[in-house]
Amino acid sequence: MAAYLYVNSLLYLLFAVWVTLSPWVTAKNIGFEAFSASGRSEYLVVYGGMELGFAAFFALTAFNAEYRKLGLLFALCMYAPIVLYRGITVLRYGPVSSTTLAVAALEIGLLVWGVVLWTRTP
């Protein structure tokens, strides 16, 4: 379970750094084309700041065995609706970019891995 949490932490850290260092490229890759000043701020806060917070949370739960199940539960609570919404929106608004599909595949993989861990954890 710790490996799963560390992987989540690393992924969110990488995404936070990528978005922070190259926000307009990442935004364009996922379909955001134009931002006002408020939109730029919001994009960096949500995709940079929140993902950095997720990275820290997953790292802390991976490091401390007492919190691992909580980290796993949080991941499942995040990925289940994300995968549901992603599936609906891809079907409704598709075709979508390859970046969106790659992120979707990653989210599905993390959800499945999390469900397997949850069912095998006493």
PDB file of N, CA and C in Angstrom:
ATOM      1  N   MET A   1       0.816  -1.188   0.000  1.00  0.00           N
ATOM      2  CA  MET A   1       0.000   0.000   0.000  1.00  0.00           C
ATOM      3  C   MET A   1       0.870   1.266   0.000  1.00  0.00           C
ATOM      4  N   ALA A   2       1.992   1.205   0.698  1.00  0.00           N
ATOM      5  CA  ALA A   2       2.885   2.361   0.731  1.00  0.00           C
ATOM      6  C   ALA A   2       3.360   2.707  -0.675  1.00  0.00           C
ATOM      7  N   ALA A   3       3.662   1.711  -1.490  1.00  0.00           N
ATOM      8  CA  ALA A   3       4.123   1.974  -2.855  1.00  0.00           C
ATOM      9  C   ALA A   3       3.061   2.736  -3.650  1.00  0.00           C
ATOM     10  N   TYR A   4       1.823   2.335  -3.512  1.00  0.00           N
ATOM     11  CA  TYR A   4       0.715   3.017  -4.189  1.00  0.00           C
ATOM     12  C   TYR A   4       0.652   4.487  -3.767  1.00  0.00           C
ATOM     13  N   LEU A   5       0.781   4.739  -2.491  1.00  0.00           N
ATOM     14  CA  LEU A   5       0.714   6.105  -1.981  1.00  0.00           C
ATOM     15  C   LEU A   5       1.926   6.928  -2.438  1.00  0.00           C
ATOM     16  N   TYR A   6       3.106   6.309  -2.440  1.00  0.00           N
ATOM     17  CA  TYR A   6       4.296   7.004  -2.938  1.00  0.00           C
ATOM     18  C   TYR A   6       4.170   7.323  -4.432  1.00  0.00           C
ATOM     19  N   VAL A   7       3.616   6.398  -5.197  1.00  0.00           N
ATOM     20  CA  VAL A   7       3.407   6.645  -6.633  1.00  0.00           C
ATOM     21  C   VAL A   7       2.464   7.825  -6.824  1.00  0.00           C
ATOM     22  N   ASN A   8       1.366   7.854  -6.060  1.00  0.00           N
ATOM     23  CA  ASN A   8       0.438   8.984  -6.141  1.00  0.00           C
ATOM     24  C   ASN A   8       1.145  10.281  -5.781  1.00  0.00           C
ATOM     25  N   SER A   9       1.929  10.251  -4.729  1.00  0.00           N
ATOM     26  CA  SER A   9       2.652  11.443  -4.300  1.00  0.00           C
ATOM     27  C   SER A   9       3.594  11.930  -5.403  1.00  0.00           C
ATOM     28  N   LEU A  10       4.346  11.029  -5.969  1.00  0.00           N
ATOM     29  CA  LEU A  10       5.287  11.389  -7.032  1.00  0.00           C
ATOM     30  C   LEU A  10       4.565  11.945  -8.250  1.00  0.00           C
ATOM     31  N   LEU A  11       3.479  11.302  -8.650  1.00  0.00           N
ATOM     32  CA  LEU A  11       2.730  11.783  -9.817  1.00  0.00           C
ATOM     33  C   LEU A  11       2.190  13.190  -9.587  1.00  0.00           C
ATOM     34  N   TYR A  12       1.594  13.418  -8.416  1.00  0.00           N
ATOM     35  CA  TYR A  12       1.061  14.751  -8.142  1.00  0.00           C
ATOM     36  C   TYR A  12       2.176  15.787  -8.029  1.00  0.00           C
ATOM     37  N   LEU A  13       3.307  15.399  -7.489  1.00  0.00           N
ATOM     38  CA  LEU A  13       4.442  16.319  -7.434  1.00  0.00           C
ATOM     39  C   LEU A  13       4.907  16.675  -8.845  1.00  0.00           C
ATOM     40  N   LEU A  14       5.043  15.681  -9.703  1.00  0.00           N
ATOM     41  CA  LEU A  14       5.462  15.924 -11.083  1.00  0.00           C
ATOM     42  C   LEU A  14       4.461  16.811 -11.820  1.00  0.00           C
ATOM     43  N   PHE A  15       3.166  16.531 -11.656  1.00  0.00           N
ATOM     44  CA  PHE A  15       2.153  17.354 -12.311  1.00  0.00           C
ATOM     45  C   PHE A  15       2.176  18.783 -11.780  1.00  0.00           C
ATOM     46  N   ALA A  16       2.339  18.943 -10.471  1.00  0.00           N
ATOM     47  CA  ALA A  16       2.381  20.286  -9.881  1.00  0.00           C
ATOM     48  C   ALA A  16       3.569  21.080 -10.421  1.00  0.00           C
ATOM     49  N   VAL A  17       4.720  20.433 -10.504  1.00  0.00           N
ATOM     50  CA  VAL A  17       5.915  21.119 -11.021  1.00  0.00           C
ATOM     51  C   VAL A  17       5.737  21.443 -12.501  1.00  0.00           C
ATOM     52  N   TRP A  18       5.228  20.498 -13.269  1.00  0.00           N
ATOM     53  CA  TRP A  18       5.023  20.695 -14.707  1.00  0.00           C
ATOM     54  C   TRP A  18       4.075  21.869 -14.962  1.00  0.00           C
ATOM     55  N   VAL A  19       2.960  21.881 -14.243  1.00  0.00           N
ATOM     56  CA  VAL A  19       1.984  22.963 -14.404  1.00  0.00           C
ATOM     57  C   VAL A  19       2.580  24.305 -13.970  1.00  0.00           C
ATOM     58  N   THR A  20       3.316  24.295 -12.886  1.00  0.00           N
ATOM     59  CA  THR A  20       3.890  25.540 -12.366  1.00  0.00           C
ATOM     60  C   THR A  20       4.942  26.110 -13.310  1.00  0.00           C
ATOM     61  N   LEU A  21       5.774  25.249 -13.883  1.00  0.00           N
ATOM     62  CA  LEU A  21       6.844  25.715 -14.757  1.00  0.00           C
ATOM     63  C   LEU A  21       6.389  25.995 -16.186  1.00  0.00           C
ATOM     64  N   SER A  22       5.324  25.337 -16.601  1.00  0.00           N
ATOM     65  CA  SER A  22       4.872  25.490 -17.984  1.00  0.00           C
ATOM     66  C   SER A  22       3.337  25.532 -18.046  1.00  0.00           C
ATOM     67  N   PRO A  23       2.718  26.490 -17.360  1.00  0.00           N
ATOM     68  CA  PRO A  23       1.264  26.474 -17.233  1.00  0.00           C
ATOM     69  C   PRO A  23       0.509  26.599 -18.553  1.00  0.00           C
ATOM     70  N   TRP A  24       0.984  27.403 -19.469  1.00  0.00           N
ATOM     71  CA  TRP A  24       0.186  27.629 -20.676  1.00  0.00           C
ATOM     72  C   TRP A  24       0.318  26.472 -21.650  1.00  0.00           C
ATOM     73  N   VAL A  25       1.447  25.790 -21.640  1.00  0.00           N
ATOM     74  CA  VAL A  25       1.593  24.591 -22.467  1.00  0.00           C
ATOM     75  C   VAL A  25       0.704  23.479 -21.929  1.00  0.00           C
ATOM     76  N   THR A  26       0.741  23.259 -20.615  1.00  0.00           N
ATOM     77  CA  THR A  26      -0.093  22.199 -20.037  1.00  0.00           C
ATOM     78  C   THR A  26      -1.569  22.525 -20.224  1.00  0.00           C
ATOM     79  N   ALA A  27      -1.944  23.780 -20.054  1.00  0.00           N
ATOM     80  CA  ALA A  27      -3.347  24.170 -20.236  1.00  0.00           C
ATOM     81  C   ALA A  27      -3.803  23.880 -21.664  1.00  0.00           C
ATOM     82  N   LYS A  28      -2.982  24.255 -22.623  1.00  0.00           N
ATOM     83  CA  LYS A  28      -3.344  24.026 -24.030  1.00  0.00           C
ATOM     84  C   LYS A  28      -3.438  22.522 -24.330  1.00  0.00           C
ATOM     85  N   ASN A  29      -2.535  21.732 -23.743  1.00  0.00           N
ATOM     86  CA  ASN A  29      -2.540  20.282 -23.970  1.00  0.00           C
ATOM     87  C   ASN A  29      -3.818  19.611 -23.488  1.00  0.00           C
ATOM     88  N   ILE A  30      -4.451  20.190 -22.481  1.00  0.00           N
ATOM     89  CA  ILE A  30      -5.691  19.579 -21.982  1.00  0.00           C
ATOM     90  C   ILE A  30      -6.934  20.326 -22.451  1.00  0.00           C
ATOM     91  N   GLY A  31      -6.740  21.289 -23.359  1.00  0.00           N
ATOM     92  CA  GLY A  31      -7.888  21.893 -24.009  1.00  0.00           C
ATOM     93  C   GLY A  31      -8.281  23.280 -23.555  1.00  0.00           C
ATOM     94  N   PHE A  32      -7.551  23.863 -22.614  1.00  0.00           N
ATOM     95  CA  PHE A  32      -7.839  25.242 -22.234  1.00  0.00           C
ATOM     96  C   PHE A  32      -7.103  26.149 -23.211  1.00  0.00           C
ATOM     97  N   GLU A  33      -7.818  27.014 -23.867  1.00  0.00           N
ATOM     98  CA  GLU A  33      -7.198  27.824 -24.914  1.00  0.00           C
ATOM     99  C   GLU A  33      -6.868  29.244 -24.490  1.00  0.00           C
ATOM    100  N   ALA A  34      -7.759  29.917 -23.781  1.00  0.00           N
ATOM    101  CA  ALA A  34      -7.519  31.323 -23.443  1.00  0.00           C
ATOM    102  C   ALA A  34      -7.930  31.570 -21.997  1.00  0.00           C
ATOM    103  N   PHE A  35      -7.131  32.350 -21.297  1.00  0.00           N
ATOM    104  CA  PHE A  35      -7.398  32.671 -19.906  1.00  0.00           C
ATOM    105  C   PHE A  35      -7.390  34.173 -19.691  1.00  0.00           C
ATOM    106  N   SER A  36      -8.291  34.627 -18.855  1.00  0.00           N
ATOM    107  CA  SER A  36      -8.179  35.979 -18.318  1.00  0.00           C
ATOM    108  C   SER A  36      -7.150  35.912 -17.191  1.00  0.00           C
ATOM    109  N   ALA A  37      -6.832  37.052 -16.588  1.00  0.00           N
ATOM    110  CA  ALA A  37      -5.903  37.045 -15.453  1.00  0.00           C
ATOM    111  C   ALA A  37      -6.448  36.167 -14.322  1.00  0.00           C
ATOM    112  N   SER A  38      -7.747  36.239 -14.081  1.00  0.00           N
ATOM    113  CA  SER A  38      -8.362  35.401 -13.040  1.00  0.00           C
ATOM    114  C   SER A  38      -8.265  33.922 -13.404  1.00  0.00           C
ATOM    115  N   GLY A  39      -8.456  33.625 -14.676  1.00  0.00           N
ATOM    116  CA  GLY A  39      -8.350  32.241 -15.136  1.00  0.00           C
ATOM    117  C   GLY A  39      -6.945  31.698 -14.977  1.00  0.00           C
ATOM    118  N   ARG A  40      -5.953  32.513 -15.264  1.00  0.00           N
ATOM    119  CA  ARG A  40      -4.558  32.101 -15.080  1.00  0.00           C
ATOM    120  C   ARG A  40      -4.281  31.789 -13.618  1.00  0.00           C
ATOM    121  N   SER A  41      -4.759  32.674 -12.753  1.00  0.00           N
ATOM    122  CA  SER A  41      -4.572  32.465 -11.315  1.00  0.00           C
ATOM    123  C   SER A  41      -5.247  31.167 -10.878  1.00  0.00           C
ATOM    124  N   GLU A  42      -6.477  30.983 -11.297  1.00  0.00           N
ATOM    125  CA  GLU A  42      -7.240  29.791 -10.890  1.00  0.00           C
ATOM    126  C   GLU A  42      -6.581  28.511 -11.400  1.00  0.00           C
ATOM    127  N   TYR A  43      -6.131  28.529 -12.647  1.00  0.00           N
ATOM    128  CA  TYR A  43      -5.479  27.352 -13.216  1.00  0.00           C
ATOM    129  C   TYR A  43      -4.251  26.965 -12.398  1.00  0.00           C
ATOM    130  N   LEU A  44      -3.416  27.941 -12.083  1.00  0.00           N
ATOM    131  CA  LEU A  44      -2.203  27.648 -11.298  1.00  0.00           C
ATOM    132  C   LEU A  44      -2.534  27.197  -9.890  1.00  0.00           C
ATOM    133  N   VAL A  45      -3.542  27.789  -9.279  1.00  0.00           N
ATOM    134  CA  VAL A  45      -3.936  27.399  -7.921  1.00  0.00           C
ATOM    135  C   VAL A  45      -4.441  25.959  -7.906  1.00  0.00           C
ATOM    136  N   VAL A  46      -5.366  25.644  -8.818  1.00  0.00           N
ATOM    137  CA  VAL A  46      -5.981  24.308  -8.808  1.00  0.00           C
ATOM    138  C   VAL A  46      -5.017  23.252  -9.329  1.00  0.00           C
ATOM    139  N   TYR A  47      -4.386  23.517 -10.464  1.00  0.00           N
ATOM    140  CA  TYR A  47      -3.536  22.494 -11.051  1.00  0.00           C
ATOM    141  C   TYR A  47      -2.124  22.480 -10.492  1.00  0.00           C
ATOM    142  N   GLY A  48      -1.677  23.554  -9.919  1.00  0.00           N
ATOM    143  CA  GLY A  48      -0.353  23.590  -9.306  1.00  0.00           C
ATOM    144  C   GLY A  48      -0.440  23.403  -7.803  1.00  0.00           C
ATOM    145  N   GLY A  49      -1.123  24.326  -7.151  1.00  0.00           N
ATOM    146  CA  GLY A  49      -1.184  24.311  -5.690  1.00  0.00           C
ATOM    147  C   GLY A  49      -1.896  23.105  -5.110  1.00  0.00           C
ATOM    148  N   MET A  50      -3.073  22.789  -5.638  1.00  0.00           N
ATOM    149  CA  MET A  50      -3.813  21.660  -5.089  1.00  0.00           C
ATOM    150  C   MET A  50      -3.069  20.344  -5.336  1.00  0.00           C
ATOM    151  N   GLU A  51      -2.492  20.194  -6.495  1.00  0.00           N
ATOM    152  CA  GLU A  51      -1.747  18.968  -6.779  1.00  0.00           C
ATOM    153  C   GLU A  51      -0.516  18.854  -5.887  1.00  0.00           C
ATOM    154  N   LEU A  52       0.113  19.963  -5.566  1.00  0.00           N
ATOM    155  CA  LEU A  52       1.234  19.931  -4.630  1.00  0.00           C
ATOM    156  C   LEU A  52       0.754  19.507  -3.244  1.00  0.00           C
ATOM    157  N   GLY A  53      -0.409  19.976  -2.838  1.00  0.00           N
ATOM    158  CA  GLY A  53      -1.001  19.542  -1.572  1.00  0.00           C
ATOM    159  C   GLY A  53      -1.315  18.057  -1.570  1.00  0.00           C
ATOM    160  N   PHE A  54      -1.857  17.554  -2.683  1.00  0.00           N
ATOM    161  CA  PHE A  54      -2.116  16.113  -2.792  1.00  0.00           C
ATOM    162  C   PHE A  54      -0.815  15.330  -2.678  1.00  0.00           C
ATOM    163  N   ALA A  55       0.238  15.819  -3.317  1.00  0.00           N
ATOM    164  CA  ALA A  55       1.543  15.146  -3.256  1.00  0.00           C
ATOM    165  C   ALA A  55       2.012  15.046  -1.815  1.00  0.00           C
ATOM    166  N   ALA A  56       1.894  16.144  -1.076  1.00  0.00           N
ATOM    167  CA  ALA A  56       2.317  16.134   0.333  1.00  0.00           C
ATOM    168  C   ALA A  56       1.467  15.174   1.151  1.00  0.00           C
ATOM    169  N   PHE A  57       0.156  15.191   0.933  1.00  0.00           N
ATOM    170  CA  PHE A  57      -0.731  14.297   1.686  1.00  0.00           C
ATOM    171  C   PHE A  57      -0.391  12.835   1.412  1.00  0.00           C
ATOM    172  N   PHE A  58      -0.251  12.483   0.155  1.00  0.00           N
ATOM    173  CA  PHE A  58       0.059  11.092  -0.173  1.00  0.00           C
ATOM    174  C   PHE A  58       1.424  10.684   0.374  1.00  0.00           C
ATOM    175  N   ALA A  59       2.406  11.577   0.341  1.00  0.00           N
ATOM    176  CA  ALA A  59       3.725  11.267   0.898  1.00  0.00           C
ATOM    177  C   ALA A  59       3.630  11.033   2.403  1.00  0.00           C
ATOM    178  N   LEU A  60       2.898  11.880   3.094  1.00  0.00           N
ATOM    179  CA  LEU A  60       2.753  11.722   4.550  1.00  0.00           C
ATOM    180  C   LEU A  60       2.036  10.427   4.913  1.00  0.00           C
ATOM    181  N   THR A  61       1.000  10.082   4.151  1.00  0.00           N
ATOM    182  CA  THR A  61       0.291   8.834   4.472  1.00  0.00           C
ATOM    183  C   THR A  61       1.119   7.613   4.088  1.00  0.00           C
ATOM    184  N   ALA A  62       1.927   7.720   3.061  1.00  0.00           N
ATOM    185  CA  ALA A  62       2.796   6.595   2.689  1.00  0.00           C
ATOM    186  C   ALA A  62       3.872   6.384   3.740  1.00  0.00           C
ATOM    187  N   PHE A  63       4.419   7.461   4.238  1.00  0.00           N
ATOM    188  CA  PHE A  63       5.517   7.410   5.205  1.00  0.00           C
ATOM    189  C   PHE A  63       5.066   6.885   6.570  1.00  0.00           C
ATOM    190  N   ASN A  64       3.854   7.202   6.969  1.00  0.00           N
ATOM    191  CA  ASN A  64       3.345   6.817   8.283  1.00  0.00           C
ATOM    192  C   ASN A  64       2.332   5.679   8.143  1.00  0.00           C
ATOM    193  N   ALA A  65       2.697   4.491   8.589  1.00  0.00           N
ATOM    194  CA  ALA A  65       1.855   3.304   8.420  1.00  0.00           C
ATOM    195  C   ALA A  65       0.461   3.471   9.027  1.00  0.00           C
ATOM    196  N   GLU A  66       0.352   4.264  10.080  1.00  0.00           N
ATOM    197  CA  GLU A  66      -0.951   4.474  10.721  1.00  0.00           C
ATOM    198  C   GLU A  66      -1.940   5.183   9.809  1.00  0.00           C
ATOM    199  N   TYR A  67      -1.440   5.931   8.827  1.00  0.00           N
ATOM    200  CA  TYR A  67      -2.310   6.728   7.963  1.00  0.00           C
ATOM    201  C   TYR A  67      -2.478   6.154   6.563  1.00  0.00           C
ATOM    202  N   ARG A  68      -1.880   5.014   6.291  1.00  0.00           N
ATOM    203  CA  ARG A  68      -1.929   4.469   4.934  1.00  0.00           C
ATOM    204  C   ARG A  68      -3.347   4.156   4.469  1.00  0.00           C
ATOM    205  N   LYS A  69      -4.139   3.557   5.334  1.00  0.00           N
ATOM    206  CA  LYS A  69      -5.512   3.230   4.919  1.00  0.00           C
ATOM    207  C   LYS A  69      -6.308   4.510   4.637  1.00  0.00           C
ATOM    208  N   LEU A  70      -6.053   5.549   5.402  1.00  0.00           N
ATOM    209  CA  LEU A  70      -6.703   6.837   5.149  1.00  0.00           C
ATOM    210  C   LEU A  70      -6.282   7.388   3.790  1.00  0.00           C
ATOM    211  N   GLY A  71      -5.008   7.295   3.464  1.00  0.00           N
ATOM    212  CA  GLY A  71      -4.529   7.741   2.162  1.00  0.00           C
ATOM    213  C   GLY A  71      -5.180   6.964   1.032  1.00  0.00           C
ATOM    214  N   LEU A  72      -5.316   5.661   1.218  1.00  0.00           N
ATOM    215  CA  LEU A  72      -5.953   4.826   0.210  1.00  0.00           C
ATOM    216  C   LEU A  72      -7.428   5.194   0.067  1.00  0.00           C
ATOM    217  N   LEU A  73      -8.112   5.400   1.175  1.00  0.00           N
ATOM    218  CA  LEU A  73      -9.520   5.792   1.133  1.00  0.00           C
ATOM    219  C   LEU A  73      -9.690   7.127   0.408  1.00  0.00           C
ATOM    220  N   PHE A  74      -8.814   8.072   0.704  1.00  0.00           N
ATOM    221  CA  PHE A  74      -8.859   9.364   0.029  1.00  0.00           C
ATOM    222  C   PHE A  74      -8.675   9.188  -1.482  1.00  0.00           C
ATOM    223  N   ALA A  75      -7.720   8.367  -1.874  1.00  0.00           N
ATOM    224  CA  ALA A  75      -7.486   8.125  -3.300  1.00  0.00           C
ATOM    225  C   ALA A  75      -8.731   7.542  -3.963  1.00  0.00           C
ATOM    226  N   LEU A  76      -9.360   6.582  -3.309  1.00  0.00           N
ATOM    227  CA  LEU A  76     -10.572   5.986  -3.879  1.00  0.00           C
ATOM    228  C   LEU A  76     -11.699   7.005  -3.972  1.00  0.00           C
ATOM    229  N   CYS A  77     -11.826   7.838  -2.959  1.00  0.00           N
ATOM    230  CA  CYS A  77     -12.859   8.889  -2.983  1.00  0.00           C
ATOM    231  C   CYS A  77     -12.587   9.912  -4.081  1.00  0.00           C
ATOM    232  N   MET A  78     -11.347  10.093  -4.450  1.00  0.00           N
ATOM    233  CA  MET A  78     -11.004  10.999  -5.549  1.00  0.00           C
ATOM    234  C   MET A  78     -11.170  10.327  -6.907  1.00  0.00           C
ATOM    235  N   TYR A  79     -10.569   9.153  -7.054  1.00  0.00           N
ATOM    236  CA  TYR A  79     -10.515   8.542  -8.381  1.00  0.00           C
ATOM    237  C   TYR A  79     -11.854   7.984  -8.855  1.00  0.00           C
ATOM    238  N   ALA A  80     -12.698   7.498  -7.980  1.00  0.00           N
ATOM    239  CA  ALA A  80     -13.990   6.955  -8.428  1.00  0.00           C
ATOM    240  C   ALA A  80     -14.821   8.024  -9.152  1.00  0.00           C
ATOM    241  N   PRO A  81     -15.049   9.191  -8.557  1.00  0.00           N
ATOM    242  CA  PRO A  81     -15.828  10.188  -9.302  1.00  0.00           C
ATOM    243  C   PRO A  81     -15.059  10.790 -10.476  1.00  0.00           C
ATOM    244  N   ILE A  82     -13.736  10.890 -10.366  1.00  0.00           N
ATOM    245  CA  ILE A  82     -12.952  11.416 -11.493  1.00  0.00           C
ATOM    246  C   ILE A  82     -13.114  10.497 -12.701  1.00  0.00           C
ATOM    247  N   VAL A  83     -12.997   9.197 -12.491  1.00  0.00           N
ATOM    248  CA  VAL A  83     -13.132   8.244 -13.599  1.00  0.00           C
ATOM    249  C   VAL A  83     -14.561   8.274 -14.148  1.00  0.00           C
ATOM    250  N   LEU A  84     -15.546   8.365 -13.271  1.00  0.00           N
ATOM    251  CA  LEU A  84     -16.931   8.451 -13.716  1.00  0.00           C
ATOM    252  C   LEU A  84     -17.144   9.695 -14.588  1.00  0.00           C
ATOM    253  N   TYR A  85     -16.738  10.841 -14.067  1.00  0.00           N
ATOM    254  CA  TYR A  85     -16.895  12.091 -14.824  1.00  0.00           C
ATOM    255  C   TYR A  85     -16.084  12.069 -16.117  1.00  0.00           C
ATOM    256  N   ARG A  86     -14.883  11.527 -16.051  1.00  0.00           N
ATOM    257  CA  ARG A  86     -14.024  11.472 -17.241  1.00  0.00           C
ATOM    258  C   ARG A  86     -14.704  10.641 -18.319  1.00  0.00           C
ATOM    259  N   GLY A  87     -15.223   9.478 -17.933  1.00  0.00           N
ATOM    260  CA  GLY A  87     -15.900   8.625 -18.911  1.00  0.00           C
ATOM    261  C   GLY A  87     -17.092   9.305 -19.553  1.00  0.00           C
ATOM    262  N   ILE A  88     -17.907   9.947 -18.735  1.00  0.00           N
ATOM    263  CA  ILE A  88     -19.090  10.640 -19.259  1.00  0.00           C
ATOM    264  C   ILE A  88     -18.683  11.771 -20.195  1.00  0.00           C
ATOM    265  N   THR A  89     -17.703  12.565 -19.786  1.00  0.00           N
ATOM    266  CA  THR A  89     -17.328  13.719 -20.609  1.00  0.00           C
ATOM    267  C   THR A  89     -16.622  13.317 -21.896  1.00  0.00           C
ATOM    268  N   VAL A  90     -15.816  12.272 -21.847  1.00  0.00           N
ATOM    269  CA  VAL A  90     -15.159  11.815 -23.075  1.00  0.00           C
ATOM    270  C   VAL A  90     -16.204  11.304 -24.062  1.00  0.00           C
ATOM    271  N   LEU A  91     -17.201  10.578 -23.577  1.00  0.00           N
ATOM    272  CA  LEU A  91     -18.263  10.093 -24.459  1.00  0.00           C
ATOM    273  C   LEU A  91     -19.118  11.246 -24.992  1.00  0.00           C
ATOM    274  N   ARG A  92     -19.376  12.215 -24.146  1.00  0.00           N
ATOM    275  CA  ARG A  92     -20.254  13.322 -24.538  1.00  0.00           C
ATOM    276  C   ARG A  92     -19.556  14.347 -25.425  1.00  0.00           C
ATOM    277  N   TYR A  93     -18.307  14.661 -25.121  1.00  0.00           N
ATOM    278  CA  TYR A  93     -17.624  15.760 -25.805  1.00  0.00           C
ATOM    279  C   TYR A  93     -16.531  15.300 -26.765  1.00  0.00           C
ATOM    280  N   GLY A  94     -16.287  13.986 -26.839  1.00  0.00           N
ATOM    281  CA  GLY A  94     -15.199  13.492 -27.657  1.00  0.00           C
ATOM    282  C   GLY A  94     -15.370  13.848 -29.118  1.00  0.00           C
ATOM    283  N   PRO A  95     -14.332  13.764 -29.891  1.00  0.00           N
ATOM    284  CA  PRO A  95     -13.014  13.265 -29.521  1.00  0.00           C
ATOM    285  C   PRO A  95     -12.243  14.291 -28.684  1.00  0.00           C
ATOM    286  N   VAL A  96     -11.386  13.768 -27.821  1.00  0.00           N
ATOM    287  CA  VAL A  96     -10.575  14.595 -26.940  1.00  0.00           C
ATOM    288  C   VAL A  96      -9.102  14.371 -27.271  1.00  0.00           C
ATOM    289  N   SER A  97      -8.257  15.211 -26.699  1.00  0.00           N
ATOM    290  CA  SER A  97      -6.825  15.141 -27.004  1.00  0.00           C
ATOM    291  C   SER A  97      -6.193  13.868 -26.457  1.00  0.00           C
ATOM    292  N   SER A  98      -5.047  13.534 -27.011  1.00  0.00           N
ATOM    293  CA  SER A  98      -4.306  12.361 -26.534  1.00  0.00           C
ATOM    294  C   SER A  98      -3.836  12.572 -25.095  1.00  0.00           C
ATOM    295  N   THR A  99      -3.557  13.823 -24.710  1.00  0.00           N
ATOM    296  CA  THR A  99      -3.167  14.095 -23.326  1.00  0.00           C
ATOM    297  C   THR A  99      -4.312  13.743 -22.385  1.00  0.00           C
ATOM    298  N   THR A 100      -5.528  14.127 -22.757  1.00  0.00           N
ATOM    299  CA  THR A 100      -6.697  13.809 -21.936  1.00  0.00           C
ATOM    300  C   THR A 100      -6.878  12.301 -21.824  1.00  0.00           C
ATOM    301  N   LEU A 101      -6.695  11.592 -22.919  1.00  0.00           N
ATOM    302  CA  LEU A 101      -6.840  10.132 -22.891  1.00  0.00           C
ATOM    303  C   LEU A 101      -5.746   9.475 -22.061  1.00  0.00           C
ATOM    304  N   ALA A 102      -4.534  10.010 -22.136  1.00  0.00           N
ATOM    305  CA  ALA A 102      -3.436   9.462 -21.325  1.00  0.00           C
ATOM    306  C   ALA A 102      -3.709   9.681 -19.839  1.00  0.00           C
ATOM    307  N   VAL A 103      -4.188  10.847 -19.482  1.00  0.00           N
ATOM    308  CA  VAL A 103      -4.529  11.118 -18.084  1.00  0.00           C
ATOM    309  C   VAL A 103      -5.669  10.205 -17.654  1.00  0.00           C
ATOM    310  N   ALA A 104      -6.640  10.005 -18.525  1.00  0.00           N
ATOM    311  CA  ALA A 104      -7.760   9.107 -18.209  1.00  0.00           C
ATOM    312  C   ALA A 104      -7.261   7.689 -17.939  1.00  0.00           C
ATOM    313  N   ALA A 105      -6.354   7.202 -18.759  1.00  0.00           N
ATOM    314  CA  ALA A 105      -5.801   5.860 -18.564  1.00  0.00           C
ATOM    315  C   ALA A 105      -5.069   5.766 -17.229  1.00  0.00           C
ATOM    316  N   LEU A 106      -4.324   6.791 -16.889  1.00  0.00           N
ATOM    317  CA  LEU A 106      -3.617   6.828 -15.605  1.00  0.00           C
ATOM    318  C   LEU A 106      -4.611   6.806 -14.453  1.00  0.00           C
ATOM    319  N   GLU A 107      -5.670   7.600 -14.542  1.00  0.00           N
ATOM    320  CA  GLU A 107      -6.686   7.640 -13.488  1.00  0.00           C
ATOM    321  C   GLU A 107      -7.384   6.294 -13.331  1.00  0.00           C
ATOM    322  N   ILE A 108      -7.707   5.658 -14.434  1.00  0.00           N
ATOM    323  CA  ILE A 108      -8.343   4.331 -14.372  1.00  0.00           C
ATOM    324  C   ILE A 108      -7.394   3.333 -13.721  1.00  0.00           C
ATOM    325  N   GLY A 109      -6.135   3.363 -14.121  1.00  0.00           N
ATOM    326  CA  GLY A 109      -5.151   2.459 -13.528  1.00  0.00           C
ATOM    327  C   GLY A 109      -5.005   2.670 -12.026  1.00  0.00           C
ATOM    328  N   LEU A 110      -4.954   3.922 -11.598  1.00  0.00           N
ATOM    329  CA  LEU A 110      -4.833   4.203 -10.165  1.00  0.00           C
ATOM    330  C   LEU A 110      -6.084   3.804  -9.405  1.00  0.00           C
ATOM    331  N   LEU A 111      -7.255   3.959 -10.024  1.00  0.00           N
ATOM    332  CA  LEU A 111      -8.495   3.514  -9.374  1.00  0.00           C
ATOM    333  C   LEU A 111      -8.507   1.998  -9.225  1.00  0.00           C
ATOM    334  N   VAL A 112      -8.187   1.298 -10.282  1.00  0.00           N
ATOM    335  CA  VAL A 112      -8.187  -0.173 -10.231  1.00  0.00           C
ATOM    336  C   VAL A 112      -7.172  -0.666  -9.204  1.00  0.00           C
ATOM    337  N   TRP A 113      -5.984  -0.120  -9.226  1.00  0.00           N
ATOM    338  CA  TRP A 113      -4.952  -0.503  -8.259  1.00  0.00           C
ATOM    339  C   TRP A 113      -5.440  -0.229  -6.836  1.00  0.00           C
ATOM    340  N   GLY A 114      -6.052   0.913  -6.631  1.00  0.00           N
ATOM    341  CA  GLY A 114      -6.577   1.251  -5.312  1.00  0.00           C
ATOM    342  C   GLY A 114      -7.672   0.307  -4.854  1.00  0.00           C
ATOM    343  N   VAL A 115      -8.578  -0.058  -5.753  1.00  0.00           N
ATOM    344  CA  VAL A 115      -9.653  -0.994  -5.409  1.00  0.00           C
ATOM    345  C   VAL A 115      -9.072  -2.348  -5.038  1.00  0.00           C
ATOM    346  N   VAL A 116      -8.094  -2.802  -5.798  1.00  0.00           N
ATOM    347  CA  VAL A 116      -7.441  -4.087  -5.485  1.00  0.00           C
ATOM    348  C   VAL A 116      -6.807  -4.025  -4.100  1.00  0.00           C
ATOM    349  N   LEU A 117      -6.101  -2.948  -3.807  1.00  0.00           N
ATOM    350  CA  LEU A 117      -5.489  -2.809  -2.469  1.00  0.00           C
ATOM    351  C   LEU A 117      -6.535  -2.772  -1.385  1.00  0.00           C
ATOM    352  N   TRP A 118      -7.633  -2.051  -1.626  1.00  0.00           N
ATOM    353  CA  TRP A 118      -8.688  -1.926  -0.611  1.00  0.00           C
ATOM    354  C   TRP A 118      -9.315  -3.283  -0.312  1.00  0.00           C
ATOM    355  N   THR A 119      -9.543  -4.086  -1.353  1.00  0.00           N
ATOM    356  CA  THR A 119     -10.176  -5.391  -1.140  1.00  0.00           C
ATOM    357  C   THR A 119      -9.232  -6.391  -0.477  1.00  0.00           C
ATOM    358  N   ARG A 120      -7.939  -6.152  -0.569  1.00  0.00           N
ATOM    359  CA  ARG A 120      -6.963  -7.071   0.033  1.00  0.00           C
ATOM    360  C   ARG A 120      -6.462  -6.613   1.392  1.00  0.00           C
ATOM    361  N   THR A 121      -6.927  -5.440   1.848  1.00  0.00           N
ATOM    362  CA  THR A 121      -6.458  -4.898   3.121  1.00  0.00           C
ATOM    363  C   THR A 121      -7.482  -5.206   4.200  1.00  0.00           C
ATOM    364  N   PRO A 122      -7.011  -5.818   5.291  1.00  0.00           N
ATOM    365  CA  PRO A 122      -7.984  -6.138   6.359  1.00  0.00           C
ATOM    366  C   PRO A 122      -8.530  -4.884   7.044  1.00  0.00           C
TER     367      PRO A 122
END
